[in-house]
Amino acid sequence: MEFIPFNGHNTLTFRQIDQQNNLPKGSTFRLFKRCQALREGQDFFYLAAGDAPETIARWREAGLIYPATVNVVLITESGYRKLQMGRD
């Protein structure tokens, strides 16, 4: 699994987490929406399409995000652990 370095953190996209855990598309997004323990800037980073269009396009071309993704959420290692606890 290829981490995406961002703001000094190793991060993963929803697509990467879905694939890593053999989950159907959208599973990590739904879990993310339910997990109230996640804190922006610590457990995840939100990138609006207008803030980093070239970077988001590169990630799309590399298959790191879903083709229809507009805005990107990057999950940090601490965020991933919290999501894992939410799956149990």
PDB file of N, CA and C in Angstrom:
ATOM      1  N   MET A   1       0.850  -1.178   0.000  1.00  0.00           N
ATOM      2  CA  MET A   1       0.000   0.000   0.000  1.00  0.00           C
ATOM      3  C   MET A   1       0.892   1.235   0.000  1.00  0.00           C
ATOM      4  N   GLU A   2       0.634   2.121  -0.911  1.00  0.00           N
ATOM      5  CA  GLU A   2       1.417   3.350  -1.063  1.00  0.00           C
ATOM      6  C   GLU A   2       0.784   4.473  -0.245  1.00  0.00           C
ATOM      7  N   PHE A   3       1.490   4.914   0.789  1.00  0.00           N
ATOM      8  CA  PHE A   3       1.013   6.054   1.565  1.00  0.00           C
ATOM      9  C   PHE A   3       1.166   7.330   0.749  1.00  0.00           C
ATOM     10  N   ILE A   4       0.293   8.282   1.023  1.00  0.00           N
ATOM     11  CA  ILE A   4       0.399   9.606   0.439  1.00  0.00           C
ATOM     12  C   ILE A   4       0.909  10.529   1.544  1.00  0.00           C
ATOM     13  N   PRO A   5       2.156  11.011   1.440  1.00  0.00           N
ATOM     14  CA  PRO A   5       2.651  11.928   2.460  1.00  0.00           C
ATOM     15  C   PRO A   5       1.921  13.270   2.358  1.00  0.00           C
ATOM     16  N   PHE A   6       1.388  13.748   3.484  1.00  0.00           N
ATOM     17  CA  PHE A   6       0.655  15.012   3.477  1.00  0.00           C
ATOM     18  C   PHE A   6       0.784  15.679   4.838  1.00  0.00           C
ATOM     19  N   ASN A   7       1.261  16.902   4.858  1.00  0.00           N
ATOM     20  CA  ASN A   7       1.426  17.674   6.104  1.00  0.00           C
ATOM     21  C   ASN A   7       2.154  16.896   7.191  1.00  0.00           C
ATOM     22  N   GLY A   8       3.186  16.163   6.813  1.00  0.00           N
ATOM     23  CA  GLY A   8       3.983  15.426   7.785  1.00  0.00           C
ATOM     24  C   GLY A   8       3.359  14.134   8.273  1.00  0.00           C
ATOM     25  N   HIS A   9       2.305  13.676   7.612  1.00  0.00           N
ATOM     26  CA  HIS A   9       1.618  12.433   7.987  1.00  0.00           C
ATOM     27  C   HIS A   9       1.596  11.472   6.811  1.00  0.00           C
ATOM     28  N   ASN A  10       1.610  10.185   7.104  1.00  0.00           N
ATOM     29  CA  ASN A  10       1.307   9.177   6.094  1.00  0.00           C
ATOM     30  C   ASN A  10      -0.203   9.062   6.034  1.00  0.00           C
ATOM     31  N   THR A  11      -0.763   9.182   4.843  1.00  0.00           N
ATOM     32  CA  THR A  11      -2.218   9.148   4.708  1.00  0.00           C
ATOM     33  C   THR A  11      -2.641   8.153   3.631  1.00  0.00           C
ATOM     34  N   LEU A  12      -3.924   7.807   3.694  1.00  0.00           N
ATOM     35  CA  LEU A  12      -4.553   6.947   2.697  1.00  0.00           C
ATOM     36  C   LEU A  12      -5.884   7.561   2.285  1.00  0.00           C
ATOM     37  N   THR A  13      -6.311   7.262   1.063  1.00  0.00           N
ATOM     38  CA  THR A  13      -7.604   7.715   0.573  1.00  0.00           C
ATOM     39  C   THR A  13      -8.670   6.661   0.898  1.00  0.00           C
ATOM     40  N   PHE A  14      -9.928   7.063   0.742  1.00  0.00           N
ATOM     41  CA  PHE A  14     -11.021   6.106   0.938  1.00  0.00           C
ATOM     42  C   PHE A  14     -10.857   4.903   0.010  1.00  0.00           C
ATOM     43  N   ARG A  15     -10.490   5.149  -1.235  1.00  0.00           N
ATOM     44  CA  ARG A  15     -10.327   4.050  -2.193  1.00  0.00           C
ATOM     45  C   ARG A  15      -9.246   3.078  -1.732  1.00  0.00           C
ATOM     46  N   GLN A  16      -8.118   3.607  -1.284  1.00  0.00           N
ATOM     47  CA  GLN A  16      -7.033   2.743  -0.828  1.00  0.00           C
ATOM     48  C   GLN A  16      -7.474   1.885   0.356  1.00  0.00           C
ATOM     49  N   ILE A  17      -8.210   2.480   1.280  1.00  0.00           N
ATOM     50  CA  ILE A  17      -8.658   1.728   2.456  1.00  0.00           C
ATOM     51  C   ILE A  17      -9.688   0.679   2.053  1.00  0.00           C
ATOM     52  N   ASP A  18     -10.613   1.039   1.173  1.00  0.00           N
ATOM     53  CA  ASP A  18     -11.577   0.055   0.669  1.00  0.00           C
ATOM     54  C   ASP A  18     -10.843  -1.130   0.045  1.00  0.00           C
ATOM     55  N   GLN A  19      -9.868  -0.848  -0.806  1.00  0.00           N
ATOM     56  CA  GLN A  19      -9.140  -1.918  -1.490  1.00  0.00           C
ATOM     57  C   GLN A  19      -8.302  -2.740  -0.515  1.00  0.00           C
ATOM     58  N   GLN A  20      -7.630  -2.083   0.415  1.00  0.00           N
ATOM     59  CA  GLN A  20      -6.788  -2.774   1.397  1.00  0.00           C
ATOM     60  C   GLN A  20      -7.588  -3.772   2.228  1.00  0.00           C
ATOM     61  N   ASN A  21      -8.838  -3.411   2.516  1.00  0.00           N
ATOM     62  CA  ASN A  21      -9.676  -4.247   3.376  1.00  0.00           C
ATOM     63  C   ASN A  21     -10.715  -5.060   2.605  1.00  0.00           C
ATOM     64  N   ASN A  22     -10.578  -5.082   1.269  1.00  0.00           N
ATOM     65  CA  ASN A  22     -11.522  -5.824   0.417  1.00  0.00           C
ATOM     66  C   ASN A  22     -12.964  -5.439   0.696  1.00  0.00           C
ATOM     67  N   LEU A  23     -13.213  -4.134   0.778  1.00  0.00           N
ATOM     68  CA  LEU A  23     -14.546  -3.607   1.040  1.00  0.00           C
ATOM     69  C   LEU A  23     -15.154  -3.060  -0.244  1.00  0.00           C
ATOM     70  N   PRO A  24     -16.468  -3.093  -0.363  1.00  0.00           N
ATOM     71  CA  PRO A  24     -17.103  -2.488  -1.538  1.00  0.00           C
ATOM     72  C   PRO A  24     -16.873  -0.979  -1.570  1.00  0.00           C
ATOM     73  N   LYS A  25     -16.903  -0.429  -2.762  1.00  0.00           N
ATOM     74  CA  LYS A  25     -16.737   1.013  -2.945  1.00  0.00           C
ATOM     75  C   LYS A  25     -17.704   1.766  -2.027  1.00  0.00           C
ATOM     76  N   GLY A  26     -17.185   2.771  -1.345  1.00  0.00           N
ATOM     77  CA  GLY A  26     -18.017   3.613  -0.493  1.00  0.00           C
ATOM     78  C   GLY A  26     -18.072   3.183   0.956  1.00  0.00           C
ATOM     79  N   SER A  27     -17.557   2.007   1.275  1.00  0.00           N
ATOM     80  CA  SER A  27     -17.627   1.507   2.655  1.00  0.00           C
ATOM     81  C   SER A  27     -16.864   2.401   3.622  1.00  0.00           C
ATOM     82  N   THR A  28     -15.658   2.786   3.256  1.00  0.00           N
ATOM     83  CA  THR A  28     -14.860   3.626   4.145  1.00  0.00           C
ATOM     84  C   THR A  28     -15.485   5.001   4.278  1.00  0.00           C
ATOM     85  N   PHE A  29     -16.043   5.535   3.212  1.00  0.00           N
ATOM     86  CA  PHE A  29     -16.723   6.828   3.286  1.00  0.00           C
ATOM     87  C   PHE A  29     -17.882   6.771   4.281  1.00  0.00           C
ATOM     88  N   ARG A  30     -18.686   5.735   4.205  1.00  0.00           N
ATOM     89  CA  ARG A  30     -19.824   5.614   5.129  1.00  0.00           C
ATOM     90  C   ARG A  30     -19.356   5.478   6.577  1.00  0.00           C
ATOM     91  N   LEU A  31     -18.312   4.712   6.791  1.00  0.00           N
ATOM     92  CA  LEU A  31     -17.747   4.560   8.125  1.00  0.00           C
ATOM     93  C   LEU A  31     -17.194   5.900   8.623  1.00  0.00           C
ATOM     94  N   PHE A  32     -16.528   6.636   7.751  1.00  0.00           N
ATOM     95  CA  PHE A  32     -15.999   7.952   8.077  1.00  0.00           C
ATOM     96  C   PHE A  32     -17.122   8.887   8.534  1.00  0.00           C
ATOM     97  N   LYS A  33     -18.232   8.874   7.828  1.00  0.00           N
ATOM     98  CA  LYS A  33     -19.354   9.752   8.165  1.00  0.00           C
ATOM     99  C   LYS A  33     -19.944   9.418   9.538  1.00  0.00           C
ATOM    100  N   ARG A  34     -19.867   8.158   9.948  1.00  0.00           N
ATOM    101  CA  ARG A  34     -20.428   7.733  11.242  1.00  0.00           C
ATOM    102  C   ARG A  34     -19.467   7.926  12.412  1.00  0.00           C
ATOM    103  N   CYS A  35     -18.176   8.019  12.144  1.00  0.00           N
ATOM    104  CA  CYS A  35     -17.162   8.032  13.196  1.00  0.00           C
ATOM    105  C   CYS A  35     -16.966   9.454  13.734  1.00  0.00           C
ATOM    106  N   GLN A  36     -17.610   9.761  14.830  1.00  0.00           N
ATOM    107  CA  GLN A  36     -17.554  11.104  15.396  1.00  0.00           C
ATOM    108  C   GLN A  36     -16.241  11.395  16.118  1.00  0.00           C
ATOM    109  N   ALA A  37     -15.437  10.377  16.365  1.00  0.00           N
ATOM    110  CA  ALA A  37     -14.164  10.565  17.078  1.00  0.00           C
ATOM    111  C   ALA A  37     -13.075  11.167  16.199  1.00  0.00           C
ATOM    112  N   LEU A  38     -13.280  11.204  14.891  1.00  0.00           N
ATOM    113  CA  LEU A  38     -12.252  11.712  13.976  1.00  0.00           C
ATOM    114  C   LEU A  38     -12.150  13.230  14.046  1.00  0.00           C
ATOM    115  N   ARG A  39     -10.924  13.726  14.090  1.00  0.00           N
ATOM    116  CA  ARG A  39     -10.657  15.161  14.180  1.00  0.00           C
ATOM    117  C   ARG A  39      -9.843  15.620  12.969  1.00  0.00           C
ATOM    118  N   GLU A  40     -10.370  16.643  12.291  1.00  0.00           N
ATOM    119  CA  GLU A  40      -9.667  17.185  11.132  1.00  0.00           C
ATOM    120  C   GLU A  40      -8.321  17.767  11.559  1.00  0.00           C
ATOM    121  N   GLY A  41      -7.295  17.527  10.767  1.00  0.00           N
ATOM    122  CA  GLY A  41      -5.955  17.998  11.061  1.00  0.00           C
ATOM    123  C   GLY A  41      -5.147  17.025  11.901  1.00  0.00           C
ATOM    124  N   GLN A  42      -5.829  16.072  12.502  1.00  0.00           N
ATOM    125  CA  GLN A  42      -5.154  15.044  13.289  1.00  0.00           C
ATOM    126  C   GLN A  42      -5.410  13.657  12.702  1.00  0.00           C
ATOM    127  N   ASP A  43      -6.670  13.350  12.470  1.00  0.00           N
ATOM    128  CA  ASP A  43      -7.067  12.031  11.972  1.00  0.00           C
ATOM    129  C   ASP A  43      -7.349  12.035  10.472  1.00  0.00           C
ATOM    130  N   PHE A  44      -7.621  13.210   9.932  1.00  0.00           N
ATOM    131  CA  PHE A  44      -7.871  13.308   8.495  1.00  0.00           C
ATOM    132  C   PHE A  44      -7.623  14.733   8.020  1.00  0.00           C
ATOM    133  N   PHE A  45      -7.430  14.851   6.708  1.00  0.00           N
ATOM    134  CA  PHE A  45      -7.288  16.142   6.053  1.00  0.00           C
ATOM    135  C   PHE A  45      -8.301  16.205   4.917  1.00  0.00           C
ATOM    136  N   TYR A  46      -8.944  17.347   4.759  1.00  0.00           N
ATOM    137  CA  TYR A  46      -9.920  17.565   3.697  1.00  0.00           C
ATOM    138  C   TYR A  46      -9.301  18.482   2.649  1.00  0.00           C
ATOM    139  N   LEU A  47      -9.314  18.041   1.401  1.00  0.00           N
ATOM    140  CA  LEU A  47      -8.813  18.857   0.296  1.00  0.00           C
ATOM    141  C   LEU A  47      -9.954  19.149  -0.666  1.00  0.00           C
ATOM    142  N   ALA A  48     -10.345  20.400  -0.728  1.00  0.00           N
ATOM    143  CA  ALA A  48     -11.375  20.809  -1.677  1.00  0.00           C
ATOM    144  C   ALA A  48     -10.784  20.805  -3.083  1.00  0.00           C
ATOM    145  N   ALA A  49     -11.612  20.497  -4.057  1.00  0.00           N
ATOM    146  CA  ALA A  49     -11.148  20.392  -5.444  1.00  0.00           C
ATOM    147  C   ALA A  49     -10.427  21.645  -5.906  1.00  0.00           C
ATOM    148  N   GLY A  50     -10.907  22.808  -5.513  1.00  0.00           N
ATOM    149  CA  GLY A  50     -10.309  24.054  -5.948  1.00  0.00           C
ATOM    150  C   GLY A  50      -8.976  24.368  -5.294  1.00  0.00           C
ATOM    151  N   ASP A  51      -8.677  23.709  -4.182  1.00  0.00           N
ATOM    152  CA  ASP A  51      -7.435  23.980  -3.456  1.00  0.00           C
ATOM    153  C   ASP A  51      -6.227  23.260  -4.050  1.00  0.00           C
ATOM    154  N   ALA A  52      -6.444  22.123  -4.664  1.00  0.00           N
ATOM    155  CA  ALA A  52      -5.325  21.330  -5.192  1.00  0.00           C
ATOM    156  C   ALA A  52      -5.738  20.548  -6.431  1.00  0.00           C
ATOM    157  N   PRO A  53      -6.229  21.223  -7.465  1.00  0.00           N
ATOM    158  CA  PRO A  53      -6.755  20.485  -8.626  1.00  0.00           C
ATOM    159  C   PRO A  53      -5.726  19.606  -9.336  1.00  0.00           C
ATOM    160  N   GLU A  54      -4.489  20.078  -9.446  1.00  0.00           N
ATOM    161  CA  GLU A  54      -3.472  19.291 -10.150  1.00  0.00           C
ATOM    162  C   GLU A  54      -3.107  18.039  -9.351  1.00  0.00           C
ATOM    163  N   THR A  55      -2.984  18.203  -8.043  1.00  0.00           N
ATOM    164  CA  THR A  55      -2.655  17.063  -7.181  1.00  0.00           C
ATOM    165  C   THR A  55      -3.759  16.035  -7.212  1.00  0.00           C
ATOM    166  N   ILE A  56      -4.991  16.480  -7.107  1.00  0.00           N
ATOM    167  CA  ILE A  56      -6.135  15.565  -7.130  1.00  0.00           C
ATOM    168  C   ILE A  56      -6.201  14.847  -8.480  1.00  0.00           C
ATOM    169  N   ALA A  57      -5.941  15.555  -9.557  1.00  0.00           N
ATOM    170  CA  ALA A  57      -5.944  14.931 -10.890  1.00  0.00           C
ATOM    171  C   ALA A  57      -4.858  13.856 -10.979  1.00  0.00           C
ATOM    172  N   ARG A  58      -3.676  14.129 -10.420  1.00  0.00           N
ATOM    173  CA  ARG A  58      -2.591  13.131 -10.423  1.00  0.00           C
ATOM    174  C   ARG A  58      -2.998  11.886  -9.646  1.00  0.00           C
ATOM    175  N   TRP A  59      -3.616  12.087  -8.477  1.00  0.00           N
ATOM    176  CA  TRP A  59      -4.060  10.938  -7.670  1.00  0.00           C
ATOM    177  C   TRP A  59      -5.122  10.134  -8.415  1.00  0.00           C
ATOM    178  N   ARG A  60      -5.998  10.832  -9.129  1.00  0.00           N
ATOM    179  CA  ARG A  60      -7.034  10.134  -9.903  1.00  0.00           C
ATOM    180  C   ARG A  60      -6.382   9.300 -10.995  1.00  0.00           C
ATOM    181  N   GLU A  61      -5.442   9.892 -11.721  1.00  0.00           N
ATOM    182  CA  GLU A  61      -4.748   9.183 -12.800  1.00  0.00           C
ATOM    183  C   GLU A  61      -3.962   7.988 -12.273  1.00  0.00           C
ATOM    184  N   ALA A  62      -3.433   8.102 -11.062  1.00  0.00           N
ATOM    185  CA  ALA A  62      -2.660   7.010 -10.449  1.00  0.00           C
ATOM    186  C   ALA A  62      -3.557   5.947  -9.831  1.00  0.00           C
ATOM    187  N   GLY A  63      -4.871   6.161  -9.840  1.00  0.00           N
ATOM    188  CA  GLY A  63      -5.802   5.190  -9.275  1.00  0.00           C
ATOM    189  C   GLY A  63      -5.865   5.221  -7.751  1.00  0.00           C
ATOM    190  N   LEU A  64      -5.403   6.313  -7.141  1.00  0.00           N
ATOM    191  CA  LEU A  64      -5.420   6.407  -5.679  1.00  0.00           C
ATOM    192  C   LEU A  64      -6.768   6.881  -5.137  1.00  0.00           C
ATOM    193  N   ILE A  65      -7.561   7.532  -5.994  1.00  0.00           N
ATOM    194  CA  ILE A  65      -8.912   7.947  -5.618  1.00  0.00           C
ATOM    195  C   ILE A  65      -9.880   7.426  -6.672  1.00  0.00           C
ATOM    196  N   TYR A  66     -11.156   7.376  -6.310  1.00  0.00           N
ATOM    197  CA  TYR A  66     -12.163   6.925  -7.274  1.00  0.00           C
ATOM    198  C   TYR A  66     -12.301   7.957  -8.397  1.00  0.00           C
ATOM    199  N   PRO A  67     -12.608   7.506  -9.611  1.00  0.00           N
ATOM    200  CA  PRO A  67     -12.694   8.425 -10.754  1.00  0.00           C
ATOM    201  C   PRO A  67     -13.664   9.590 -10.553  1.00  0.00           C
ATOM    202  N   ALA A  68     -14.755   9.376  -9.850  1.00  0.00           N
ATOM    203  CA  ALA A  68     -15.755  10.431  -9.665  1.00  0.00           C
ATOM    204  C   ALA A  68     -15.470  11.331  -8.464  1.00  0.00           C
ATOM    205  N   THR A  69     -14.384  11.083  -7.747  1.00  0.00           N
ATOM    206  CA  THR A  69     -14.059  11.884  -6.569  1.00  0.00           C
ATOM    207  C   THR A  69     -13.793  13.335  -6.964  1.00  0.00           C
ATOM    208  N   VAL A  70     -14.411  14.266  -6.242  1.00  0.00           N
ATOM    209  CA  VAL A  70     -14.209  15.690  -6.482  1.00  0.00           C
ATOM    210  C   VAL A  70     -13.317  16.258  -5.378  1.00  0.00           C
ATOM    211  N   ASN A  71     -13.788  16.181  -4.141  1.00  0.00           N
ATOM    212  CA  ASN A  71     -13.011  16.606  -2.980  1.00  0.00           C
ATOM    213  C   ASN A  71     -12.409  15.357  -2.334  1.00  0.00           C
ATOM    214  N   VAL A  72     -11.242  15.508  -1.738  1.00  0.00           N
ATOM    215  CA  VAL A  72     -10.525  14.344  -1.213  1.00  0.00           C
ATOM    216  C   VAL A  72     -10.385  14.440   0.298  1.00  0.00           C
ATOM    217  N   VAL A  73     -10.601  13.310   0.954  1.00  0.00           N
ATOM    218  CA  VAL A  73     -10.311  13.167   2.376  1.00  0.00           C
ATOM    219  C   VAL A  73      -9.143  12.195   2.480  1.00  0.00           C
ATOM    220  N   LEU A  74      -8.096  12.631   3.175  1.00  0.00           N
ATOM    221  CA  LEU A  74      -6.934  11.782   3.418  1.00  0.00           C
ATOM    222  C   LEU A  74      -6.961  11.354   4.878  1.00  0.00           C
ATOM    223  N   ILE A  75      -6.923  10.060   5.120  1.00  0.00           N
ATOM    224  CA  ILE A  75      -6.984   9.507   6.471  1.00  0.00           C
ATOM    225  C   ILE A  75      -5.566   9.248   6.976  1.00  0.00           C
ATOM    226  N   THR A  76      -5.256   9.761   8.171  1.00  0.00           N
ATOM    227  CA  THR A  76      -3.941   9.530   8.779  1.00  0.00           C
ATOM    228  C   THR A  76      -3.930   8.159   9.454  1.00  0.00           C
ATOM    229  N   GLU A  77      -2.765   7.779   9.953  1.00  0.00           N
ATOM    230  CA  GLU A  77      -2.654   6.492  10.648  1.00  0.00           C
ATOM    231  C   GLU A  77      -3.541   6.453  11.890  1.00  0.00           C
ATOM    232  N   SER A  78      -3.606   7.552  12.635  1.00  0.00           N
ATOM    233  CA  SER A  78      -4.479   7.575  13.819  1.00  0.00           C
ATOM    234  C   SER A  78      -5.943   7.493  13.400  1.00  0.00           C
ATOM    235  N   GLY A  79      -6.289   8.152  12.318  1.00  0.00           N
ATOM    236  CA  GLY A  79      -7.654   8.077  11.807  1.00  0.00           C
ATOM    237  C   GLY A  79      -8.013   6.681  11.342  1.00  0.00           C
ATOM    238  N   TYR A  80      -7.054   6.017  10.716  1.00  0.00           N
ATOM    239  CA  TYR A  80      -7.280   4.639  10.258  1.00  0.00           C
ATOM    240  C   TYR A  80      -7.560   3.720  11.438  1.00  0.00           C
ATOM    241  N   ARG A  81      -6.804   3.887  12.518  1.00  0.00           N
ATOM    242  CA  ARG A  81      -7.044   3.071  13.722  1.00  0.00           C
ATOM    243  C   ARG A  81      -8.439   3.310  14.272  1.00  0.00           C
ATOM    244  N   LYS A  82      -8.882   4.561  14.278  1.00  0.00           N
ATOM    245  CA  LYS A  82     -10.233   4.883  14.776  1.00  0.00           C
ATOM    246  C   LYS A  82     -11.298   4.269  13.868  1.00  0.00           C
ATOM    247  N   LEU A  83     -11.070   4.318  12.564  1.00  0.00           N
ATOM    248  CA  LEU A  83     -12.021   3.692  11.642  1.00  0.00           C
ATOM    249  C   LEU A  83     -12.079   2.188  11.856  1.00  0.00           C
ATOM    250  N   GLN A  84     -10.927   1.569  12.094  1.00  0.00           N
ATOM    251  CA  GLN A  84     -10.882   0.124  12.341  1.00  0.00           C
ATOM    252  C   GLN A  84     -11.689  -0.223  13.586  1.00  0.00           C
ATOM    253  N   MET A  85     -11.568   0.573  14.632  1.00  0.00           N
ATOM    254  CA  MET A  85     -12.336   0.325  15.862  1.00  0.00           C
ATOM    255  C   MET A  85     -13.832   0.463  15.589  1.00  0.00           C
ATOM    256  N   GLY A  86     -14.208   1.373  14.678  1.00  0.00           N
ATOM    257  CA  GLY A  86     -15.605   1.575  14.343  1.00  0.00           C
ATOM    258  C   GLY A  86     -16.207   0.444  13.545  1.00  0.00           C
ATOM    259  N   ARG A  87     -15.361  -0.355  12.904  1.00  0.00           N
ATOM    260  CA  ARG A  87     -15.860  -1.502  12.099  1.00  0.00           C
ATOM    261  C   ARG A  87     -16.257  -2.663  12.980  1.00  0.00           C
ATOM    262  N   ASP A  88     -15.673  -2.761  14.154  1.00  0.00           N
ATOM    263  CA  ASP A  88     -15.921  -3.919  15.039  1.00  0.00           C
ATOM    264  C   ASP A  88     -17.278  -3.847  15.686  1.00  0.00           C
TER     265      ASP A  88
END
